[in-house]
Protein backbone atom coordinates (compact mmCIF):
# COMPACT_ATOMS: atom_id res chain seq x y z
CA MET A 1 38.56 78.65 108.05
CA THR A 2 37.29 75.58 106.26
CA ASP A 3 38.35 74.46 102.81
CA TYR A 4 34.95 75.43 101.44
CA ASN A 5 35.33 78.99 102.72
CA ARG A 6 38.82 79.28 101.22
CA GLU A 7 37.56 78.05 97.87
CA GLU A 8 34.66 80.51 97.86
CA LEU A 9 36.93 83.38 98.86
CA SER A 10 39.33 82.40 96.08
CA HIS A 11 36.48 82.51 93.53
CA ILE A 12 35.35 85.93 94.76
CA ILE A 13 38.89 87.32 94.53
CA GLN A 14 39.32 85.87 91.03
CA VAL A 15 36.09 87.47 89.80
CA LEU A 16 37.00 90.84 91.32
CA ALA A 17 40.49 90.63 89.81
CA GLY A 18 39.05 90.03 86.34
CA LEU A 19 36.61 92.91 86.71
CA LEU A 20 39.19 95.36 88.03
CA LEU A 21 41.87 94.34 85.50
CA PHE A 22 39.72 95.06 82.48
CA SER A 23 38.05 98.10 83.98
CA GLY A 24 41.47 99.63 84.52
CA TYR A 25 42.64 98.57 81.07
CA ALA A 26 39.58 100.12 79.39
CA LEU A 27 39.89 103.35 81.35
CA THR A 28 43.60 103.51 80.48
CA LEU A 29 42.82 103.07 76.78
CA ASP A 30 40.14 105.73 77.02
CA HIS A 31 42.43 108.15 78.80
CA LEU A 32 45.45 107.64 76.54
CA TYR A 33 43.78 107.46 73.14
CA GLY A 34 40.49 109.31 73.63
CA ASP A 35 38.38 106.35 72.54
CA VAL A 36 38.40 102.60 73.02
CA ASN A 37 38.66 100.29 70.05
CA ILE A 38 36.15 97.49 70.49
CA LEU A 39 38.40 94.89 68.88
CA SER A 40 41.45 95.72 70.96
CA LEU A 41 39.57 95.55 74.23
CA PHE A 42 37.62 92.39 73.48
CA GLY A 43 40.56 90.78 71.69
CA SER A 44 42.87 91.30 74.64
CA GLY A 45 40.31 89.77 77.00
CA LEU A 46 39.77 86.80 74.76
CA GLY A 47 43.50 86.37 74.16
CA LEU A 48 44.26 86.44 77.86
CA ALA A 49 41.52 83.88 78.47
CA ILE A 50 42.90 81.53 75.82
CA ILE A 51 46.44 81.81 77.17
CA LEU A 52 45.31 81.19 80.75
CA ALA A 53 43.09 78.28 79.72
CA CYS A 54 46.00 76.62 77.93
CA TRP A 55 48.51 77.16 80.74
CA ILE A 56 46.43 76.76 83.87
CA GLY A 57 43.32 74.87 82.81
CA LYS A 58 40.21 75.02 84.93
CA ASN A 59 41.89 76.11 88.15
CA HIS A 60 41.10 79.78 87.55
CA LEU A 61 37.90 79.44 85.55
CA ALA A 62 36.19 82.26 87.50
CA PHE A 63 38.92 84.72 86.48
CA ILE A 64 38.75 83.61 82.84
CA ILE A 65 34.97 83.97 82.64
CA SER A 66 34.88 87.30 84.45
CA SER A 67 37.66 88.79 82.31
CA VAL A 68 35.99 87.77 79.03
CA SER A 69 32.56 88.94 80.16
CA MET A 70 33.89 92.25 81.48
CA SER A 71 35.83 92.93 78.28
CA LEU A 72 32.66 92.22 76.27
CA VAL A 73 30.51 94.46 78.49
CA LEU A 74 33.03 97.29 78.41
CA SER A 75 33.40 96.99 74.63
CA ILE A 76 29.65 97.40 74.24
CA PHE A 77 29.59 100.23 76.79
CA PHE A 78 32.31 102.25 75.11
CA THR A 79 30.88 101.58 71.64
CA LEU A 80 27.42 102.81 72.65
CA GLY A 81 28.99 105.74 74.49
CA ALA A 82 30.67 106.90 71.30
CA ILE A 83 27.39 107.05 69.36
């Protein structure tokens, strides 16, 4: 396996980890509390991204971007689902 393949596989795993982490978090909030607060879901995604950006830097940029985007998408989804 070349270095390029390892790097691409690492990016794919990081994106999937961000998607699955916040999907599970949103479904847990929905199951436990009956509804999802838009600020708690998006705020936790943004907070995690800020912490990771400060500690790690740009090494895991794919995870940071996917977690923030997934928390934003799920916040909009659960907000529109409650209407």
